[in-house]
Amino acid sequence: MKQKKKFFNKKPAIASRKSSEFVLEEIVKELPELIGGSADLSVSNNTITKNSKDITPSNFNGNYIHYGVREHGMAGAMNGMALHGGIIPYGGTFLIFSDYCKPSIRLSSFMGVKVIYVLSHDSIGLGEDGPTHQPVEQLIALRAIPNLNVFRPADTIETLECWEIALKSSNKPSVLVLSRQKLPFVTEKLNKKNMSAMGAYEIKKTNPNPEVTIIASGSEVHIAIEASDKLLKKNINSKIVSMPCQELFDKQTKDYKNKIIEKNSIKISIEASSVFGWEKYVGTDGASLGMKSFGKSAPYNDLYKHFNLTSNDVVELAKKMLGK
């Protein structure tokens, strides 16, 4: 709670990969059993901190491994460390390269071991690197793996909460999916409770009986909030739901699910990834904004406009669905 208060008071507008680094700086000091690393992307993944010490061929006293460009080898080694016991391994690469880790991620889930995968550059938001580096189908592919929690936090508070859940998940691995681009701070109320542990929760509501429920994860939550503000100016009330972890939300009670995703409203999801899978939340009468093709190379703001992933797109879609 102390760290939550610190972040809430500062309200940093930073990339969630940077938020993860801030969290890691604190927990690495407190948990000597944490052994981190990255597949040659330490600075980009923000998995290395000022409290990290390199493990080298001549010195095993550190807590950080430079794996080189070896995503598959890194993921396999982390499984081995987790199975050995007494170690909590975490390792980073880009989300697009999770395909190289997939066999070992599946084994982590199959065996039920505590391994934490830190996957940054999570969407078209990485910008100019283009479609070769912009993940589209990777997120939904990871969500399809049983016994795996896939987290996509929206700001520093959610990132802290997701790290807490991952560290406490003793019988399953976790994936933290993090942004390259800066994200606005979206947490409006400081809760003692870990809200991300519910999988999804209400982050904003303009009326007790909203006409529109907008569900988003990660870097699209602030877009949903912007859309809510614009809809209100058009006398359309809405509710914003942040969904950092679908797997945890799916395990909640029916009453909680119905409370969060309003029955008597139209439903729209927005996520800069494949739209596949969102139909179970928006229903047959709902709509999903997302990726239906590969990405392109351009500044990320231009890409969000090109792929109709802006607050204005949400507003126009809501108006159309409501017949206004």
C-alpha atoms as a PDB file:
ATOM      1  CA  MET A   1       0.000   0.000   0.000  1.00  0.00           C
ATOM      2  CA  LYS A   2       2.932   2.308   0.676  1.00  0.00           C
ATOM      3  CA  GLN A   3       4.108   2.041  -2.933  1.00  0.00           C
ATOM      4  CA  LYS A   4       0.547   2.491  -4.187  1.00  0.00           C
ATOM      5  CA  LYS A   5       0.255   5.759  -2.281  1.00  0.00           C
ATOM      6  CA  LYS A   6       3.592   6.944  -3.629  1.00  0.00           C
ATOM      7  CA  PHE A   7       2.587   6.293  -7.231  1.00  0.00           C
ATOM      8  CA  PHE A   8      -0.929   7.661  -6.721  1.00  0.00           C
ATOM      9  CA  ASN A   9       0.440  10.924  -5.328  1.00  0.00           C
ATOM     10  CA  LYS A  10       2.909  11.303  -8.201  1.00  0.00           C
ATOM     11  CA  LYS A  11       0.498  10.082 -10.896  1.00  0.00           C
ATOM     12  CA  PRO A  12       3.277   9.381 -13.391  1.00  0.00           C
ATOM     13  CA  ALA A  13       2.410   9.458 -17.108  1.00  0.00           C
ATOM     14  CA  ILE A  14       4.888   6.836 -18.284  1.00  0.00           C
ATOM     15  CA  ALA A  15       5.027   3.685 -20.382  1.00  0.00           C
ATOM     16  CA  SER A  16       3.908   0.597 -18.501  1.00  0.00           C
ATOM     17  CA  ARG A  17       7.325  -0.961 -19.230  1.00  0.00           C
ATOM     18  CA  LYS A  18       8.784   1.930 -17.200  1.00  0.00           C
ATOM     19  CA  SER A  19       6.159   1.410 -14.498  1.00  0.00           C
ATOM     20  CA  SER A  20       7.291  -2.204 -14.334  1.00  0.00           C
ATOM     21  CA  GLU A  21      10.890  -1.074 -13.885  1.00  0.00           C
ATOM     22  CA  PHE A  22       9.892   1.157 -10.955  1.00  0.00           C
ATOM     23  CA  VAL A  23       8.081  -1.771  -9.337  1.00  0.00           C
ATOM     24  CA  LEU A  24      11.025  -4.091  -9.969  1.00  0.00           C
ATOM     25  CA  GLU A  25      13.455  -1.665  -8.338  1.00  0.00           C
ATOM     26  CA  GLU A  26      11.542  -2.103  -5.099  1.00  0.00           C
ATOM     27  CA  ILE A  27      10.807  -5.821  -5.159  1.00  0.00           C
ATOM     28  CA  VAL A  28      14.314  -6.861  -6.270  1.00  0.00           C
ATOM     29  CA  LYS A  29      15.607  -5.327  -3.026  1.00  0.00           C
ATOM     30  CA  GLU A  30      13.096  -7.298  -0.947  1.00  0.00           C
ATOM     31  CA  LEU A  31      13.105 -10.657  -2.743  1.00  0.00           C
ATOM     32  CA  PRO A  32      16.567 -12.203  -3.118  1.00  0.00           C
ATOM     33  CA  GLU A  33      14.986 -15.241  -4.758  1.00  0.00           C
ATOM     34  CA  LEU A  34      14.102 -13.151  -7.847  1.00  0.00           C
ATOM     35  CA  ILE A  35      16.376 -13.934 -10.786  1.00  0.00           C
ATOM     36  CA  GLY A  36      15.755 -11.631 -13.720  1.00  0.00           C
ATOM     37  CA  GLY A  37      16.961 -11.452 -17.275  1.00  0.00           C
ATOM     38  CA  SER A  38      16.194 -10.544 -20.848  1.00  0.00           C
ATOM     39  CA  ALA A  39      16.778 -11.884 -24.341  1.00  0.00           C
ATOM     40  CA  ASP A  40      19.168  -9.080 -25.321  1.00  0.00           C
ATOM     41  CA  LEU A  41      16.524  -6.407 -24.657  1.00  0.00           C
ATOM     42  CA  SER A  42      17.219  -5.441 -21.035  1.00  0.00           C
ATOM     43  CA  VAL A  43      17.020  -1.686 -21.600  1.00  0.00           C
ATOM     44  CA  SER A  44      14.004  -1.926 -23.910  1.00  0.00           C
ATOM     45  CA  ASN A  45      12.096  -4.293 -21.621  1.00  0.00           C
ATOM     46  CA  ASN A  46      13.139  -2.306 -18.527  1.00  0.00           C
ATOM     47  CA  THR A  47      13.801  -5.591 -16.739  1.00  0.00           C
ATOM     48  CA  ILE A  48      17.175  -4.480 -15.379  1.00  0.00           C
ATOM     49  CA  THR A  49      17.268  -2.073 -12.427  1.00  0.00           C
ATOM     50  CA  LYS A  50      19.856  -0.293 -10.310  1.00  0.00           C
ATOM     51  CA  ASN A  51      19.487  -3.180  -7.850  1.00  0.00           C
ATOM     52  CA  SER A  52      20.295  -5.825 -10.470  1.00  0.00           C
ATOM     53  CA  LYS A  53      23.698  -7.526 -10.457  1.00  0.00           C
ATOM     54  CA  ASP A  54      24.907  -9.527 -13.438  1.00  0.00           C
ATOM     55  CA  ILE A  55      25.420 -13.259 -13.206  1.00  0.00           C
ATOM     56  CA  THR A  56      28.566 -14.062 -15.189  1.00  0.00           C
ATOM     57  CA  PRO A  57      30.528 -17.247 -15.995  1.00  0.00           C
ATOM     58  CA  SER A  58      32.945 -16.363 -13.207  1.00  0.00           C
ATOM     59  CA  ASN A  59      30.479 -14.985 -10.664  1.00  0.00           C
ATOM     60  CA  PHE A  60      27.146 -16.596  -9.765  1.00  0.00           C
ATOM     61  CA  ASN A  61      26.361 -14.198  -6.925  1.00  0.00           C
ATOM     62  CA  GLY A  62      24.219 -11.862  -9.037  1.00  0.00           C
ATOM     63  CA  ASN A  63      20.500 -11.802  -9.765  1.00  0.00           C
ATOM     64  CA  TYR A  64      20.348 -10.947 -13.472  1.00  0.00           C
ATOM     65  CA  ILE A  65      21.145 -13.009 -16.586  1.00  0.00           C
ATOM     66  CA  HIS A  66      21.929 -11.606 -20.023  1.00  0.00           C
ATOM     67  CA  TYR A  67      20.542 -14.426 -22.157  1.00  0.00           C
ATOM     68  CA  GLY A  68      21.472 -12.991 -25.555  1.00  0.00           C
ATOM     69  CA  VAL A  69      19.093 -13.320 -28.498  1.00  0.00           C
ATOM     70  CA  ARG A  70      17.751 -16.596 -27.162  1.00  0.00           C
ATOM     71  CA  GLU A  71      14.061 -16.258 -26.276  1.00  0.00           C
ATOM     72  CA  HIS A  72      13.452 -20.009 -26.467  1.00  0.00           C
ATOM     73  CA  GLY A  73      16.536 -20.788 -24.384  1.00  0.00           C
ATOM     74  CA  MET A  74      15.667 -18.113 -21.831  1.00  0.00           C
ATOM     75  CA  ALA A  75      12.126 -19.418 -21.348  1.00  0.00           C
ATOM     76  CA  GLY A  76      13.384 -22.994 -21.005  1.00  0.00           C
ATOM     77  CA  ALA A  77      16.023 -21.948 -18.459  1.00  0.00           C
ATOM     78  CA  MET A  78      13.399 -20.107 -16.402  1.00  0.00           C
ATOM     79  CA  ASN A  79      11.275 -23.253 -16.269  1.00  0.00           C
ATOM     80  CA  GLY A  80      14.308 -25.148 -15.027  1.00  0.00           C
ATOM     81  CA  MET A  81      14.976 -22.591 -12.282  1.00  0.00           C
ATOM     82  CA  ALA A  82      11.346 -22.653 -11.165  1.00  0.00           C
ATOM     83  CA  LEU A  83      11.326 -26.448 -11.037  1.00  0.00           C
ATOM     84  CA  HIS A  84      14.544 -26.436  -9.031  1.00  0.00           C
ATOM     85  CA  GLY A  85      12.786 -24.409  -6.341  1.00  0.00           C
ATOM     86  CA  GLY A  86      13.784 -21.469  -4.226  1.00  0.00           C
ATOM     87  CA  ILE A  87      13.915 -19.162  -7.251  1.00  0.00           C
ATOM     88  CA  ILE A  88      11.340 -16.890  -8.873  1.00  0.00           C
ATOM     89  CA  PRO A  89      12.542 -16.327 -12.440  1.00  0.00           C
ATOM     90  CA  TYR A  90      11.411 -13.455 -14.638  1.00  0.00           C
ATOM     91  CA  GLY A  91      12.590 -12.669 -18.129  1.00  0.00           C
ATOM     92  CA  GLY A  92      11.815 -10.151 -20.810  1.00  0.00           C
ATOM     93  CA  THR A  93      11.475  -9.784 -24.549  1.00  0.00           C
ATOM     94  CA  PHE A  94       9.081  -8.080 -26.972  1.00  0.00           C
ATOM     95  CA  LEU A  95       5.536  -9.455 -27.138  1.00  0.00           C
ATOM     96  CA  ILE A  96       6.030 -10.236 -30.831  1.00  0.00           C
ATOM     97  CA  PHE A  97       8.873 -12.593 -29.874  1.00  0.00           C
ATOM     98  CA  SER A  98       6.701 -14.515 -27.420  1.00  0.00           C
ATOM     99  CA  ASP A  99       6.198 -16.928 -30.328  1.00  0.00           C
ATOM    100  CA  TYR A 100       9.763 -18.120 -29.745  1.00  0.00           C
ATOM    101  CA  CYS A 101       8.918 -18.657 -26.053  1.00  0.00           C
ATOM    102  CA  LYS A 102       5.578 -20.368 -26.702  1.00  0.00           C
ATOM    103  CA  PRO A 103       6.622 -24.011 -26.167  1.00  0.00           C
ATOM    104  CA  SER A 104       8.146 -23.156 -22.782  1.00  0.00           C
ATOM    105  CA  ILE A 105       5.281 -20.845 -21.797  1.00  0.00           C
ATOM    106  CA  ARG A 106       2.934 -23.741 -22.518  1.00  0.00           C
ATOM    107  CA  LEU A 107       5.100 -26.025 -20.393  1.00  0.00           C
ATOM    108  CA  SER A 108       5.138 -23.453 -17.560  1.00  0.00           C
ATOM    109  CA  SER A 109       1.354 -23.503 -17.607  1.00  0.00           C
ATOM    110  CA  PHE A 110       1.150 -27.270 -18.017  1.00  0.00           C
ATOM    111  CA  MET A 111       3.462 -27.845 -15.035  1.00  0.00           C
ATOM    112  CA  GLY A 112       1.997 -25.039 -12.934  1.00  0.00           C
ATOM    113  CA  VAL A 113       5.263 -23.288 -12.088  1.00  0.00           C
ATOM    114  CA  LYS A 114       5.810 -19.672 -11.043  1.00  0.00           C
ATOM    115  CA  VAL A 115       7.562 -18.081 -14.006  1.00  0.00           C
ATOM    116  CA  ILE A 116       6.999 -14.431 -14.919  1.00  0.00           C
ATOM    117  CA  TYR A 117       7.286 -13.349 -18.543  1.00  0.00           C
ATOM    118  CA  VAL A 118       7.744  -9.598 -19.077  1.00  0.00           C
ATOM    119  CA  LEU A 119       6.687  -8.796 -22.650  1.00  0.00           C
ATOM    120  CA  SER A 120       6.978  -5.179 -23.748  1.00  0.00           C
ATOM    121  CA  HIS A 121       6.242  -3.325 -27.012  1.00  0.00           C
ATOM    122  CA  ASP A 122       2.753  -4.748 -26.820  1.00  0.00           C
ATOM    123  CA  SER A 123       0.932  -3.289 -29.840  1.00  0.00           C
ATOM    124  CA  ILE A 124       0.994  -0.953 -32.831  1.00  0.00           C
ATOM    125  CA  GLY A 125       1.868   1.613 -30.150  1.00  0.00           C
ATOM    126  CA  LEU A 126       5.523   0.765 -30.698  1.00  0.00           C
ATOM    127  CA  GLY A 127       5.246   2.830 -33.891  1.00  0.00           C
ATOM    128  CA  GLU A 128       7.930   3.058 -36.508  1.00  0.00           C
ATOM    129  CA  ASP A 129       9.402  -0.455 -36.131  1.00  0.00           C
ATOM    130  CA  GLY A 130       6.425  -1.513 -38.201  1.00  0.00           C
ATOM    131  CA  PRO A 131       4.405  -4.698 -38.722  1.00  0.00           C
ATOM    132  CA  THR A 132       7.354  -7.068 -38.245  1.00  0.00           C
ATOM    133  CA  HIS A 133       7.510  -5.951 -34.604  1.00  0.00           C
ATOM    134  CA  GLN A 134       3.859  -5.027 -33.993  1.00  0.00           C
ATOM    135  CA  PRO A 135       1.986  -7.930 -32.342  1.00  0.00           C
ATOM    136  CA  VAL A 136      -1.550  -8.609 -33.504  1.00  0.00           C
ATOM    137  CA  GLU A 137      -2.418 -12.248 -32.777  1.00  0.00           C
ATOM    138  CA  GLN A 138       0.102 -12.857 -29.973  1.00  0.00           C
ATOM    139  CA  LEU A 139      -2.044 -11.538 -27.140  1.00  0.00           C
ATOM    140  CA  ILE A 140      -5.054 -13.688 -27.913  1.00  0.00           C
ATOM    141  CA  ALA A 141      -2.773 -16.703 -28.500  1.00  0.00           C
ATOM    142  CA  LEU A 142      -1.367 -16.323 -24.985  1.00  0.00           C
ATOM    143  CA  ARG A 143      -4.853 -15.913 -23.537  1.00  0.00           C
ATOM    144  CA  ALA A 144      -5.799 -19.232 -25.123  1.00  0.00           C
ATOM    145  CA  ILE A 145      -3.231 -21.130 -23.010  1.00  0.00           C
ATOM    146  CA  PRO A 146      -4.853 -22.780 -19.960  1.00  0.00           C
ATOM    147  CA  ASN A 147      -3.539 -21.977 -16.461  1.00  0.00           C
ATOM    148  CA  LEU A 148      -1.799 -18.773 -17.569  1.00  0.00           C
ATOM    149  CA  ASN A 149      -2.621 -15.281 -16.339  1.00  0.00           C
ATOM    150  CA  VAL A 150      -2.082 -12.638 -19.022  1.00  0.00           C
ATOM    151  CA  PHE A 151      -1.928  -9.111 -17.589  1.00  0.00           C
ATOM    152  CA  ARG A 152      -2.159  -5.886 -19.601  1.00  0.00           C
ATOM    153  CA  PRO A 153      -2.056  -3.004 -17.096  1.00  0.00           C
ATOM    154  CA  ALA A 154      -3.257   0.515 -17.896  1.00  0.00           C
ATOM    155  CA  ASP A 155      -1.016   2.575 -15.604  1.00  0.00           C
ATOM    156  CA  THR A 156       1.529   2.333 -12.785  1.00  0.00           C
ATOM    157  CA  ILE A 157      -1.027   1.321 -10.144  1.00  0.00           C
ATOM    158  CA  GLU A 158      -2.327  -1.556 -12.248  1.00  0.00           C
ATOM    159  CA  THR A 159       1.247  -2.571 -13.109  1.00  0.00           C
ATOM    160  CA  LEU A 160       2.099  -2.757  -9.409  1.00  0.00           C
ATOM    161  CA  GLU A 161      -1.059  -4.779  -8.742  1.00  0.00           C
ATOM    162  CA  CYS A 162      -0.347  -7.190 -11.583  1.00  0.00           C
ATOM    163  CA  TRP A 163       3.207  -7.764 -10.341  1.00  0.00           C
ATOM    164  CA  GLU A 164       1.784  -8.480  -6.880  1.00  0.00           C
ATOM    165  CA  ILE A 165      -0.599 -11.086  -8.282  1.00  0.00           C
ATOM    166  CA  ALA A 166       2.153 -12.704 -10.356  1.00  0.00           C
ATOM    167  CA  LEU A 167       4.444 -12.978  -7.336  1.00  0.00           C
ATOM    168  CA  LYS A 168       1.674 -14.550  -5.267  1.00  0.00           C
ATOM    169  CA  SER A 169       0.578 -17.022  -7.960  1.00  0.00           C
ATOM    170  CA  SER A 170       2.279 -20.149  -6.676  1.00  0.00           C
ATOM    171  CA  ASN A 171       0.828 -22.669  -9.128  1.00  0.00           C
ATOM    172  CA  LYS A 172       0.773 -20.864 -12.449  1.00  0.00           C
ATOM    173  CA  PRO A 173       2.939 -18.621 -14.621  1.00  0.00           C
ATOM    174  CA  SER A 174       2.147 -15.019 -15.494  1.00  0.00           C
ATOM    175  CA  VAL A 175       2.654 -12.772 -18.492  1.00  0.00           C
ATOM    176  CA  LEU A 176       2.937  -9.014 -18.077  1.00  0.00           C
ATOM    177  CA  VAL A 177       2.176  -7.245 -21.362  1.00  0.00           C
ATOM    178  CA  LEU A 178       3.609  -3.721 -21.334  1.00  0.00           C
ATOM    179  CA  SER A 179       3.567  -0.650 -23.549  1.00  0.00           C
ATOM    180  CA  ARG A 180       6.459   1.123 -25.235  1.00  0.00           C
ATOM    181  CA  GLN A 181       4.635   4.465 -25.409  1.00  0.00           C
ATOM    182  CA  LYS A 182       3.787   6.679 -22.450  1.00  0.00           C
ATOM    183  CA  LEU A 183       0.351   6.184 -20.902  1.00  0.00           C
ATOM    184  CA  PRO A 184      -1.685   8.719 -18.917  1.00  0.00           C
ATOM    185  CA  PHE A 185      -2.306   7.887 -15.267  1.00  0.00           C
ATOM    186  CA  VAL A 186      -5.918   6.661 -15.162  1.00  0.00           C
ATOM    187  CA  THR A 187      -6.521   5.490 -11.569  1.00  0.00           C
ATOM    188  CA  GLU A 188      -9.024   7.953 -10.114  1.00  0.00           C
ATOM    189  CA  LYS A 189      -9.439   6.399  -6.672  1.00  0.00           C
ATOM    190  CA  LEU A 190      -6.835   4.785  -4.421  1.00  0.00           C
ATOM    191  CA  ASN A 191      -8.056   1.376  -3.231  1.00  0.00           C
ATOM    192  CA  LYS A 192      -6.472  -0.736  -0.530  1.00  0.00           C
ATOM    193  CA  LYS A 193      -7.846  -3.716  -2.400  1.00  0.00           C
ATOM    194  CA  ASN A 194      -5.986  -5.036  -5.418  1.00  0.00           C
ATOM    195  CA  MET A 195      -8.592  -4.224  -8.058  1.00  0.00           C
ATOM    196  CA  SER A 196      -6.651  -5.956 -10.835  1.00  0.00           C
ATOM    197  CA  ALA A 197      -7.113  -9.207  -8.919  1.00  0.00           C
ATOM    198  CA  MET A 198     -10.776  -9.078  -9.949  1.00  0.00           C
ATOM    199  CA  GLY A 199      -9.691  -9.197 -13.580  1.00  0.00           C
ATOM    200  CA  ALA A 200     -11.896  -6.236 -14.478  1.00  0.00           C
ATOM    201  CA  TYR A 201     -13.436  -3.396 -12.535  1.00  0.00           C
ATOM    202  CA  GLU A 202     -15.332  -0.141 -12.959  1.00  0.00           C
ATOM    203  CA  ILE A 203     -12.976   2.772 -13.409  1.00  0.00           C
ATOM    204  CA  LYS A 204     -15.508   5.485 -14.302  1.00  0.00           C
ATOM    205  CA  LYS A 205     -19.294   5.909 -14.590  1.00  0.00           C
ATOM    206  CA  THR A 206     -21.204   9.038 -15.582  1.00  0.00           C
ATOM    207  CA  ASN A 207     -24.643   7.760 -14.553  1.00  0.00           C
ATOM    208  CA  PRO A 208     -26.075   4.883 -12.484  1.00  0.00           C
ATOM    209  CA  ASN A 209     -27.773   3.632 -15.660  1.00  0.00           C
ATOM    210  CA  PRO A 210     -25.241   4.028 -18.476  1.00  0.00           C
ATOM    211  CA  GLU A 211     -26.300   3.598 -22.071  1.00  0.00           C
ATOM    212  CA  VAL A 212     -22.839   2.410 -23.101  1.00  0.00           C
ATOM    213  CA  THR A 213     -20.305   0.142 -21.390  1.00  0.00           C
ATOM    214  CA  ILE A 214     -16.796   0.527 -22.812  1.00  0.00           C
ATOM    215  CA  ILE A 215     -14.316  -2.231 -21.928  1.00  0.00           C
ATOM    216  CA  ALA A 216     -10.601  -1.739 -22.506  1.00  0.00           C
ATOM    217  CA  SER A 217      -7.203  -2.970 -21.403  1.00  0.00           C
ATOM    218  CA  GLY A 218      -3.763  -1.424 -21.120  1.00  0.00           C
ATOM    219  CA  SER A 219      -3.018   1.524 -23.363  1.00  0.00           C
ATOM    220  CA  GLU A 220      -6.617   1.780 -24.557  1.00  0.00           C
ATOM    221  CA  VAL A 221      -8.150   2.458 -21.133  1.00  0.00           C
ATOM    222  CA  HIS A 222      -7.310   6.162 -21.316  1.00  0.00           C
ATOM    223  CA  ILE A 223      -8.860   6.259 -24.808  1.00  0.00           C
ATOM    224  CA  ALA A 224     -12.060   4.801 -23.357  1.00  0.00           C
ATOM    225  CA  ILE A 225     -12.041   7.464 -20.636  1.00  0.00           C
ATOM    226  CA  GLU A 226     -11.592  10.206 -23.238  1.00  0.00           C
ATOM    227  CA  ALA A 227     -14.525   8.742 -25.167  1.00  0.00           C
ATOM    228  CA  SER A 228     -16.650   8.769 -22.011  1.00  0.00           C
ATOM    229  CA  ASP A 229     -15.987  12.488 -21.525  1.00  0.00           C
ATOM    230  CA  LYS A 230     -16.930  13.214 -25.135  1.00  0.00           C
ATOM    231  CA  LEU A 231     -20.076  11.093 -24.935  1.00  0.00           C
ATOM    232  CA  LEU A 232     -21.198  12.971 -21.829  1.00  0.00           C
ATOM    233  CA  LYS A 233     -21.044  16.245 -23.786  1.00  0.00           C
ATOM    234  CA  LYS A 234     -23.479  14.626 -26.199  1.00  0.00           C
ATOM    235  CA  ASN A 235     -25.778  13.607 -23.310  1.00  0.00           C
ATOM    236  CA  ILE A 236     -24.795   9.956 -23.578  1.00  0.00           C
ATOM    237  CA  ASN A 237     -23.891   8.319 -20.273  1.00  0.00           C
ATOM    238  CA  SER A 238     -21.295   5.606 -20.154  1.00  0.00           C
ATOM    239  CA  LYS A 239     -19.341   3.270 -17.941  1.00  0.00           C
ATOM    240  CA  ILE A 240     -15.652   2.481 -18.362  1.00  0.00           C
ATOM    241  CA  VAL A 241     -14.327  -0.941 -17.412  1.00  0.00           C
ATOM    242  CA  SER A 242     -10.616  -1.647 -17.183  1.00  0.00           C
ATOM    243  CA  MET A 243      -9.900  -5.324 -17.841  1.00  0.00           C
ATOM    244  CA  PRO A 244      -6.235  -6.015 -17.057  1.00  0.00           C
ATOM    245  CA  CYS A 245      -6.716  -9.798 -16.882  1.00  0.00           C
ATOM    246  CA  GLN A 246      -9.455 -11.714 -18.681  1.00  0.00           C
ATOM    247  CA  GLU A 247      -8.537 -14.985 -16.978  1.00  0.00           C
ATOM    248  CA  LEU A 248      -9.142 -13.578 -13.490  1.00  0.00           C
ATOM    249  CA  PHE A 249     -12.384 -11.884 -14.530  1.00  0.00           C
ATOM    250  CA  ASP A 250     -13.701 -15.138 -15.979  1.00  0.00           C
ATOM    251  CA  LYS A 251     -13.293 -16.727 -12.524  1.00  0.00           C
ATOM    252  CA  GLN A 252     -15.450 -14.147 -10.731  1.00  0.00           C
ATOM    253  CA  THR A 253     -19.024 -14.809  -9.650  1.00  0.00           C
ATOM    254  CA  LYS A 254     -21.885 -14.350 -12.049  1.00  0.00           C
ATOM    255  CA  ASP A 255     -23.188 -11.497  -9.911  1.00  0.00           C
ATOM    256  CA  TYR A 256     -19.881  -9.648 -10.085  1.00  0.00           C
ATOM    257  CA  LYS A 257     -19.632 -10.128 -13.845  1.00  0.00           C
ATOM    258  CA  ASN A 258     -23.142  -8.779 -14.343  1.00  0.00           C
ATOM    259  CA  LYS A 259     -22.377  -5.861 -12.070  1.00  0.00           C
ATOM    260  CA  ILE A 260     -19.263  -4.885 -14.007  1.00  0.00           C
ATOM    261  CA  ILE A 261     -20.540  -5.440 -17.536  1.00  0.00           C
ATOM    262  CA  GLU A 262     -23.926  -3.722 -17.578  1.00  0.00           C
ATOM    263  CA  LYS A 263     -26.712  -5.887 -18.974  1.00  0.00           C
ATOM    264  CA  ASN A 264     -28.915  -3.014 -20.044  1.00  0.00           C
ATOM    265  CA  SER A 265     -26.394  -1.108 -22.126  1.00  0.00           C
ATOM    266  CA  ILE A 266     -24.657  -1.497 -25.438  1.00  0.00           C
ATOM    267  CA  LYS A 267     -21.134  -2.830 -25.104  1.00  0.00           C
ATOM    268  CA  ILE A 268     -17.974  -1.784 -26.918  1.00  0.00           C
ATOM    269  CA  SER A 269     -14.469  -3.142 -26.416  1.00  0.00           C
ATOM    270  CA  ILE A 270     -11.285  -1.420 -27.543  1.00  0.00           C
ATOM    271  CA  GLU A 271      -7.871  -3.049 -27.608  1.00  0.00           C
ATOM    272  CA  ALA A 272      -4.971  -2.543 -30.042  1.00  0.00           C
ATOM    273  CA  SER A 273      -4.799  -6.261 -30.776  1.00  0.00           C
ATOM    274  CA  SER A 274      -6.882  -8.879 -32.523  1.00  0.00           C
ATOM    275  CA  VAL A 275     -10.597  -8.480 -31.809  1.00  0.00           C
ATOM    276  CA  PHE A 276     -10.906 -12.259 -31.536  1.00  0.00           C
ATOM    277  CA  GLY A 277     -12.292 -13.324 -28.163  1.00  0.00           C
ATOM    278  CA  TRP A 278     -13.917 -10.053 -27.147  1.00  0.00           C
ATOM    279  CA  GLU A 279     -17.341 -11.259 -28.271  1.00  0.00           C
ATOM    280  CA  LYS A 280     -17.746 -13.147 -24.993  1.00  0.00           C
ATOM    281  CA  TYR A 281     -17.791  -9.787 -23.181  1.00  0.00           C
ATOM    282  CA  VAL A 282     -19.598  -7.490 -25.634  1.00  0.00           C
ATOM    283  CA  GLY A 283     -22.135 -10.099 -26.742  1.00  0.00           C
ATOM    284  CA  THR A 284     -23.681 -10.632 -30.153  1.00  0.00           C
ATOM    285  CA  ASP A 285     -25.138  -7.115 -30.170  1.00  0.00           C
ATOM    286  CA  GLY A 286     -21.881  -5.447 -29.100  1.00  0.00           C
ATOM    287  CA  ALA A 287     -18.886  -4.252 -31.088  1.00  0.00           C
ATOM    288  CA  SER A 288     -15.115  -4.501 -30.810  1.00  0.00           C
ATOM    289  CA  LEU A 289     -12.543  -2.007 -32.017  1.00  0.00           C
ATOM    290  CA  GLY A 290      -9.159  -3.577 -32.647  1.00  0.00           C
ATOM    291  CA  MET A 291      -6.795  -4.976 -35.223  1.00  0.00           C
ATOM    292  CA  LYS A 292      -8.109  -6.913 -38.207  1.00  0.00           C
ATOM    293  CA  SER A 293      -4.899  -6.751 -40.211  1.00  0.00           C
ATOM    294  CA  PHE A 294      -1.169  -6.440 -39.650  1.00  0.00           C
ATOM    295  CA  GLY A 295       0.188  -3.061 -38.568  1.00  0.00           C
ATOM    296  CA  LYS A 296       2.112  -0.358 -40.396  1.00  0.00           C
ATOM    297  CA  SER A 297       5.172   1.801 -39.779  1.00  0.00           C
ATOM    298  CA  ALA A 298       4.323   5.292 -38.533  1.00  0.00           C
ATOM    299  CA  PRO A 299       4.223   7.357 -35.330  1.00  0.00           C
ATOM    300  CA  TYR A 300       1.885   5.554 -32.946  1.00  0.00           C
ATOM    301  CA  ASN A 301      -0.672   8.382 -32.776  1.00  0.00           C
ATOM    302  CA  ASP A 302      -1.012   8.242 -36.556  1.00  0.00           C
ATOM    303  CA  LEU A 303      -1.427   4.485 -36.393  1.00  0.00           C
ATOM    304  CA  TYR A 304      -4.204   4.687 -33.833  1.00  0.00           C
ATOM    305  CA  LYS A 305      -6.057   7.089 -36.136  1.00  0.00           C
ATOM    306  CA  HIS A 306      -5.410   4.921 -39.194  1.00  0.00           C
ATOM    307  CA  PHE A 307      -6.765   1.800 -37.492  1.00  0.00           C
ATOM    308  CA  ASN A 308      -9.785   3.591 -35.966  1.00  0.00           C
ATOM    309  CA  LEU A 309      -8.634   3.201 -32.373  1.00  0.00           C
ATOM    310  CA  THR A 310      -9.311   6.709 -31.075  1.00  0.00           C
ATOM    311  CA  SER A 311     -11.846   8.171 -28.671  1.00  0.00           C
ATOM    312  CA  ASN A 312     -13.640   9.773 -31.621  1.00  0.00           C
ATOM    313  CA  ASP A 313     -14.034   6.343 -33.218  1.00  0.00           C
ATOM    314  CA  VAL A 314     -15.551   5.009 -29.986  1.00  0.00           C
ATOM    315  CA  VAL A 315     -17.951   7.966 -29.821  1.00  0.00           C
ATOM    316  CA  GLU A 316     -19.095   7.577 -33.427  1.00  0.00           C
ATOM    317  CA  LEU A 317     -19.593   3.844 -32.981  1.00  0.00           C
ATOM    318  CA  ALA A 318     -21.613   4.374 -29.795  1.00  0.00           C
ATOM    319  CA  LYS A 319     -23.818   6.971 -31.489  1.00  0.00           C
ATOM    320  CA  LYS A 320     -24.434   4.639 -34.399  1.00  0.00           C
ATOM    321  CA  MET A 321     -25.304   1.712 -32.170  1.00  0.00           C
ATOM    322  CA  LEU A 322     -27.675   3.885 -30.140  1.00  0.00           C
ATOM    323  CA  GLY A 323     -29.236   5.365 -33.262  1.00  0.00           C
ATOM    324  CA  LYS A 324     -28.252   8.917 -32.309  1.00  0.00           C
END
